[in-house]
């Protein structure tokens, strides 16, 4: 099953929600950095995979 594609605004909202929830805990900066990095990695993976799918579709259209 394909995951729902999220736009950058949705990622920002999800990240903000996560960071707000983290305010209830005593965290070191590395915890926060790991959370932000995870969200960024997810978004980059999504965008790279989307572009690879587009390129794959274009390659399939090319007749040799």
PDB file of N, CA and C in Angstrom:
ATOM      1  N   UNK A   1       0.836  -1.184   0.000  1.00  0.00           N
ATOM      2  CA  UNK A   1       0.000   0.000   0.000  1.00  0.00           C
ATOM      3  C   UNK A   1       0.880   1.246   0.000  1.00  0.00           C
ATOM      4  N   UNK A   2       0.581   2.193  -0.853  1.00  0.00           N
ATOM      5  CA  UNK A   2       1.379   3.400  -0.969  1.00  0.00           C
ATOM      6  C   UNK A   2       0.968   4.391   0.124  1.00  0.00           C
ATOM      7  N   UNK A   3       1.979   4.983   0.765  1.00  0.00           N
ATOM      8  CA  UNK A   3       1.710   5.976   1.793  1.00  0.00           C
ATOM      9  C   UNK A   3       1.169   7.242   1.144  1.00  0.00           C
ATOM     10  N   UNK A   4       0.357   7.970   1.913  1.00  0.00           N
ATOM     11  CA  UNK A   4      -0.188   9.224   1.427  1.00  0.00           C
ATOM     12  C   UNK A   4       0.940  10.238   1.255  1.00  0.00           C
ATOM     13  N   UNK A   5       0.927  10.925   0.122  1.00  0.00           N
ATOM     14  CA  UNK A   5       1.953  11.932  -0.130  1.00  0.00           C
ATOM     15  C   UNK A   5       1.650  13.175   0.687  1.00  0.00           C
ATOM     16  N   UNK A   6       2.646  13.668   1.376  1.00  0.00           N
ATOM     17  CA  UNK A   6       2.480  14.867   2.183  1.00  0.00           C
ATOM     18  C   UNK A   6       3.224  16.028   1.547  1.00  0.00           C
ATOM     19  N   UNK A   7       2.611  17.177   1.600  1.00  0.00           N
ATOM     20  CA  UNK A   7       3.247  18.392   1.101  1.00  0.00           C
ATOM     21  C   UNK A   7       4.063  19.004   2.228  1.00  0.00           C
ATOM     22  N   UNK A   8       4.968  19.899   1.882  1.00  0.00           N
ATOM     23  CA  UNK A   8       5.879  20.476   2.866  1.00  0.00           C
ATOM     24  C   UNK A   8       5.109  21.132   4.010  1.00  0.00           C
ATOM     25  N   UNK A   9       3.974  21.750   3.708  1.00  0.00           N
ATOM     26  CA  UNK A   9       3.188  22.388   4.759  1.00  0.00           C
ATOM     27  C   UNK A   9       2.672  21.357   5.762  1.00  0.00           C
ATOM     28  N   UNK A  10       2.289  20.194   5.269  1.00  0.00           N
ATOM     29  CA  UNK A  10       1.823  19.128   6.157  1.00  0.00           C
ATOM     30  C   UNK A  10       2.972  18.609   7.019  1.00  0.00           C
ATOM     31  N   UNK A  11       4.151  18.466   6.422  1.00  0.00           N
ATOM     32  CA  UNK A  11       5.322  18.047   7.194  1.00  0.00           C
ATOM     33  C   UNK A  11       5.639  19.074   8.273  1.00  0.00           C
ATOM     34  N   UNK A  12       5.557  20.354   7.932  1.00  0.00           N
ATOM     35  CA  UNK A  12       5.818  21.400   8.917  1.00  0.00           C
ATOM     36  C   UNK A  12       4.828  21.321  10.069  1.00  0.00           C
ATOM     37  N   UNK A  13       3.547  21.117   9.741  1.00  0.00           N
ATOM     38  CA  UNK A  13       2.531  21.016  10.788  1.00  0.00           C
ATOM     39  C   UNK A  13       2.769  19.804  11.686  1.00  0.00           C
ATOM     40  N   UNK A  14       3.101  18.671  11.079  1.00  0.00           N
ATOM     41  CA  UNK A  14       3.373  17.463  11.866  1.00  0.00           C
ATOM     42  C   UNK A  14       4.598  17.645  12.754  1.00  0.00           C
ATOM     43  N   UNK A  15       5.630  18.271  12.204  1.00  0.00           N
ATOM     44  CA  UNK A  15       6.843  18.515  12.980  1.00  0.00           C
ATOM     45  C   UNK A  15       6.559  19.468  14.129  1.00  0.00           C
ATOM     46  N   UNK A  16       5.805  20.514  13.871  1.00  0.00           N
ATOM     47  CA  UNK A  16       5.463  21.466  14.920  1.00  0.00           C
ATOM     48  C   UNK A  16       4.664  20.786  16.031  1.00  0.00           C
ATOM     49  N   UNK A  17       3.708  19.951  15.652  1.00  0.00           N
ATOM     50  CA  UNK A  17       2.940  19.191  16.651  1.00  0.00           C
ATOM     51  C   UNK A  17       3.860  18.318  17.499  1.00  0.00           C
ATOM     52  N   UNK A  18       4.786  17.635  16.837  1.00  0.00           N
ATOM     53  CA  UNK A  18       5.717  16.753  17.548  1.00  0.00           C
ATOM     54  C   UNK A  18       6.599  17.556  18.513  1.00  0.00           C
ATOM     55  N   UNK A  19       7.098  18.694  18.042  1.00  0.00           N
ATOM     56  CA  UNK A  19       7.946  19.523  18.897  1.00  0.00           C
ATOM     57  C   UNK A  19       7.154  20.089  20.077  1.00  0.00           C
ATOM     58  N   UNK A  20       5.903  20.450  19.843  1.00  0.00           N
ATOM     59  CA  UNK A  20       5.061  20.931  20.938  1.00  0.00           C
ATOM     60  C   UNK A  20       4.848  19.844  21.982  1.00  0.00           C
ATOM     61  N   UNK A  21       4.672  18.603  21.546  1.00  0.00           N
ATOM     62  CA  UNK A  21       4.501  17.494  22.476  1.00  0.00           C
ATOM     63  C   UNK A  21       5.784  17.251  23.274  1.00  0.00           C
ATOM     64  N   UNK A  22       6.921  17.532  22.666  1.00  0.00           N
ATOM     65  CA  UNK A  22       8.198  17.304  23.328  1.00  0.00           C
ATOM     66  C   UNK A  22       8.444  18.320  24.452  1.00  0.00           C
ATOM     67  N   UNK A  23       7.704  19.421  24.460  1.00  0.00           N
ATOM     68  CA  UNK A  23       7.885  20.436  25.495  1.00  0.00           C
ATOM     69  C   UNK A  23       7.558  19.901  26.888  1.00  0.00           C
ATOM     70  N   UNK A  24       6.780  18.843  26.957  1.00  0.00           N
ATOM     71  CA  UNK A  24       6.395  18.260  28.238  1.00  0.00           C
ATOM     72  C   UNK A  24       7.528  17.459  28.878  1.00  0.00           C
ATOM     73  N   UNK A  25       8.625  17.280  28.167  1.00  0.00           N
ATOM     74  CA  UNK A  25       9.725  16.448  28.646  1.00  0.00           C
ATOM     75  C   UNK A  25      11.021  17.257  28.710  1.00  0.00           C
ATOM     76  N   UNK A  26      11.921  16.799  29.524  1.00  0.00           N
ATOM     77  CA  UNK A  26      13.251  17.395  29.580  1.00  0.00           C
ATOM     78  C   UNK A  26      14.103  16.638  28.561  1.00  0.00           C
ATOM     79  N   UNK A  27      14.481  17.353  27.515  1.00  0.00           N
ATOM     80  CA  UNK A  27      15.208  16.723  26.420  1.00  0.00           C
ATOM     81  C   UNK A  27      16.508  17.462  26.156  1.00  0.00           C
ATOM     82  N   UNK A  28      17.452  16.726  25.676  1.00  0.00           N
ATOM     83  CA  UNK A  28      18.692  17.367  25.263  1.00  0.00           C
ATOM     84  C   UNK A  28      18.525  17.840  23.810  1.00  0.00           C
ATOM     85  N   UNK A  29      19.343  18.764  23.381  1.00  0.00           N
ATOM     86  CA  UNK A  29      19.242  19.257  21.998  1.00  0.00           C
ATOM     87  C   UNK A  29      19.342  18.142  20.955  1.00  0.00           C
ATOM     88  N   UNK A  30      20.088  17.094  21.258  1.00  0.00           N
ATOM     89  CA  UNK A  30      20.234  15.995  20.301  1.00  0.00           C
ATOM     90  C   UNK A  30      18.895  15.296  20.055  1.00  0.00           C
ATOM     91  N   UNK A  31      18.057  15.179  21.075  1.00  0.00           N
ATOM     92  CA  UNK A  31      16.730  14.582  20.901  1.00  0.00           C
ATOM     93  C   UNK A  31      15.901  15.397  19.908  1.00  0.00           C
ATOM     94  N   UNK A  32      15.967  16.697  20.066  1.00  0.00           N
ATOM     95  CA  UNK A  32      15.217  17.580  19.169  1.00  0.00           C
ATOM     96  C   UNK A  32      15.783  17.496  17.762  1.00  0.00           C
ATOM     97  N   UNK A  33      17.094  17.502  17.658  1.00  0.00           N
ATOM     98  CA  UNK A  33      17.743  17.396  16.348  1.00  0.00           C
ATOM     99  C   UNK A  33      17.366  16.088  15.657  1.00  0.00           C
ATOM    100  N   UNK A  34      17.366  14.993  16.400  1.00  0.00           N
ATOM    101  CA  UNK A  34      16.987  13.696  15.828  1.00  0.00           C
ATOM    102  C   UNK A  34      15.558  13.713  15.299  1.00  0.00           C
ATOM    103  N   UNK A  35      14.666  14.359  16.038  1.00  0.00           N
ATOM    104  CA  UNK A  35      13.269  14.447  15.601  1.00  0.00           C
ATOM    105  C   UNK A  35      13.159  15.258  14.314  1.00  0.00           C
ATOM    106  N   UNK A  36      13.813  16.406  14.279  1.00  0.00           N
ATOM    107  CA  UNK A  36      13.775  17.255  13.084  1.00  0.00           C
ATOM    108  C   UNK A  36      14.411  16.526  11.904  1.00  0.00           C
ATOM    109  N   UNK A  37      15.546  15.885  12.146  1.00  0.00           N
ATOM    110  CA  UNK A  37      16.229  15.150  11.078  1.00  0.00           C
ATOM    111  C   UNK A  37      15.333  14.034  10.526  1.00  0.00           C
ATOM    112  N   UNK A  38      14.618  13.358  11.403  1.00  0.00           N
ATOM    113  CA  UNK A  38      13.713  12.298  10.958  1.00  0.00           C
ATOM    114  C   UNK A  38      12.631  12.821  10.033  1.00  0.00           C
ATOM    115  N   UNK A  39      12.059  13.965  10.389  1.00  0.00           N
ATOM    116  CA  UNK A  39      11.031  14.556   9.534  1.00  0.00           C
ATOM    117  C   UNK A  39      11.619  15.004   8.203  1.00  0.00           C
ATOM    118  N   UNK A  40      12.782  15.609   8.226  1.00  0.00           N
ATOM    119  CA  UNK A  40      13.429  16.052   6.986  1.00  0.00           C
ATOM    120  C   UNK A  40      13.770  14.854   6.110  1.00  0.00           C
ATOM    121  N   UNK A  41      14.324  13.810   6.700  1.00  0.00           N
ATOM    122  CA  UNK A  41      14.660  12.602   5.936  1.00  0.00           C
ATOM    123  C   UNK A  41      13.427  11.999   5.284  1.00  0.00           C
ATOM    124  N   UNK A  42      12.326  11.963   6.020  1.00  0.00           N
ATOM    125  CA  UNK A  42      11.081  11.409   5.466  1.00  0.00           C
ATOM    126  C   UNK A  42      10.620  12.212   4.260  1.00  0.00           C
ATOM    127  N   UNK A  43      10.678  13.526   4.374  1.00  0.00           N
ATOM    128  CA  UNK A  43      10.241  14.369   3.269  1.00  0.00           C
ATOM    129  C   UNK A  43      11.160  14.213   2.064  1.00  0.00           C
ATOM    130  N   UNK A  44      12.456  14.203   2.299  1.00  0.00           N
ATOM    131  CA  UNK A  44      13.411  14.037   1.194  1.00  0.00           C
ATOM    132  C   UNK A  44      13.208  12.680   0.522  1.00  0.00           C
ATOM    133  N   UNK A  45      13.052  11.620   1.310  1.00  0.00           N
ATOM    134  CA  UNK A  45      12.810  10.287   0.740  1.00  0.00           C
ATOM    135  C   UNK A  45      11.570  10.290  -0.140  1.00  0.00           C
ATOM    136  N   UNK A  46      10.510  10.934   0.358  1.00  0.00           N
ATOM    137  CA  UNK A  46       9.267  10.995  -0.411  1.00  0.00           C
ATOM    138  C   UNK A  46       9.491  11.706  -1.739  1.00  0.00           C
ATOM    139  N   UNK A  47      10.167  12.846  -1.703  1.00  0.00           N
ATOM    140  CA  UNK A  47      10.374  13.626  -2.920  1.00  0.00           C
ATOM    141  C   UNK A  47      11.307  12.906  -3.896  1.00  0.00           C
ATOM    142  N   UNK A  48      12.346  12.272  -3.399  1.00  0.00           N
ATOM    143  CA  UNK A  48      13.264  11.517  -4.261  1.00  0.00           C
ATOM    144  C   UNK A  48      12.529  10.350  -4.908  1.00  0.00           C
ATOM    145  N   UNK A  49      11.748   9.625  -4.123  1.00  0.00           N
ATOM    146  CA  UNK A  49      10.994   8.496  -4.679  1.00  0.00           C
ATOM    147  C   UNK A  49       9.984   8.951  -5.717  1.00  0.00           C
ATOM    148  N   UNK A  50       9.367  10.107  -5.477  1.00  0.00           N
ATOM    149  CA  UNK A  50       8.407  10.645  -6.448  1.00  0.00           C
ATOM    150  C   UNK A  50       9.121  10.967  -7.759  1.00  0.00           C
ATOM    151  N   UNK A  51      10.293  11.579  -7.664  1.00  0.00           N
ATOM    152  CA  UNK A  51      11.052  11.924  -8.868  1.00  0.00           C
ATOM    153  C   UNK A  51      11.530  10.667  -9.592  1.00  0.00           C
ATOM    154  N   UNK A  52      11.974   9.661  -8.838  1.00  0.00           N
ATOM    155  CA  UNK A  52      12.397   8.406  -9.462  1.00  0.00           C
ATOM    156  C   UNK A  52      11.235   7.740 -10.193  1.00  0.00           C
ATOM    157  N   UNK A  53      10.042   7.790  -9.599  1.00  0.00           N
ATOM    158  CA  UNK A  53       8.863   7.237 -10.260  1.00  0.00           C
ATOM    159  C   UNK A  53       8.572   7.979 -11.559  1.00  0.00           C
ATOM    160  N   UNK A  54       8.705   9.310 -11.528  1.00  0.00           N
ATOM    161  CA  UNK A  54       8.486  10.102 -12.739  1.00  0.00           C
ATOM    162  C   UNK A  54       9.497   9.737 -13.822  1.00  0.00           C
ATOM    163  N   UNK A  55      10.753   9.608 -13.428  1.00  0.00           N
ATOM    164  CA  UNK A  55      11.798   9.235 -14.395  1.00  0.00           C
ATOM    165  C   UNK A  55      11.567   7.833 -14.947  1.00  0.00           C
ATOM    166  N   UNK A  56      11.145   6.930 -14.081  1.00  0.00           N
ATOM    167  CA  UNK A  56      10.847   5.567 -14.513  1.00  0.00           C
ATOM    168  C   UNK A  56       9.720   5.558 -15.533  1.00  0.00           C
ATOM    169  N   UNK A  57       8.695   6.374 -15.298  1.00  0.00           N
ATOM    170  CA  UNK A  57       7.591   6.467 -16.250  1.00  0.00           C
ATOM    171  C   UNK A  57       8.065   7.017 -17.593  1.00  0.00           C
ATOM    172  N   UNK A  58       8.946   8.007 -17.551  1.00  0.00           N
ATOM    173  CA  UNK A  58       9.482   8.580 -18.788  1.00  0.00           C
ATOM    174  C   UNK A  58      10.316   7.554 -19.551  1.00  0.00           C
ATOM    175  N   UNK A  59      11.119   6.780 -18.837  1.00  0.00           N
ATOM    176  CA  UNK A  59      11.955   5.762 -19.463  1.00  0.00           C
ATOM    177  C   UNK A  59      11.072   4.709 -20.150  1.00  0.00           C
ATOM    178  N   UNK A  60       9.987   4.352 -19.507  1.00  0.00           N
ATOM    179  CA  UNK A  60       9.085   3.352 -20.080  1.00  0.00           C
ATOM    180  C   UNK A  60       8.439   3.850 -21.362  1.00  0.00           C
ATOM    181  N   UNK A  61       8.289   5.166 -21.482  1.00  0.00           N
ATOM    182  CA  UNK A  61       7.670   5.744 -22.677  1.00  0.00           C
ATOM    183  C   UNK A  61       8.613   5.767 -23.875  1.00  0.00           C
ATOM    184  N   UNK A  62       9.910   5.727 -23.595  1.00  0.00           N
ATOM    185  CA  UNK A  62      10.911   5.791 -24.666  1.00  0.00           C
ATOM    186  C   UNK A  62      10.946   4.447 -25.395  1.00  0.00           C
ATOM    187  N   UNK A  63      10.837   4.518 -26.694  1.00  0.00           N
ATOM    188  CA  UNK A  63      10.904   3.294 -27.492  1.00  0.00           C
ATOM    189  C   UNK A  63      12.273   3.231 -28.146  1.00  0.00           C
ATOM    190  N   UNK A  64      12.960   2.165 -27.877  1.00  0.00           N
ATOM    191  CA  UNK A  64      14.300   2.019 -28.454  1.00  0.00           C
ATOM    192  C   UNK A  64      14.236   1.367 -29.814  1.00  0.00           C
TER     193      UNK A  64
END
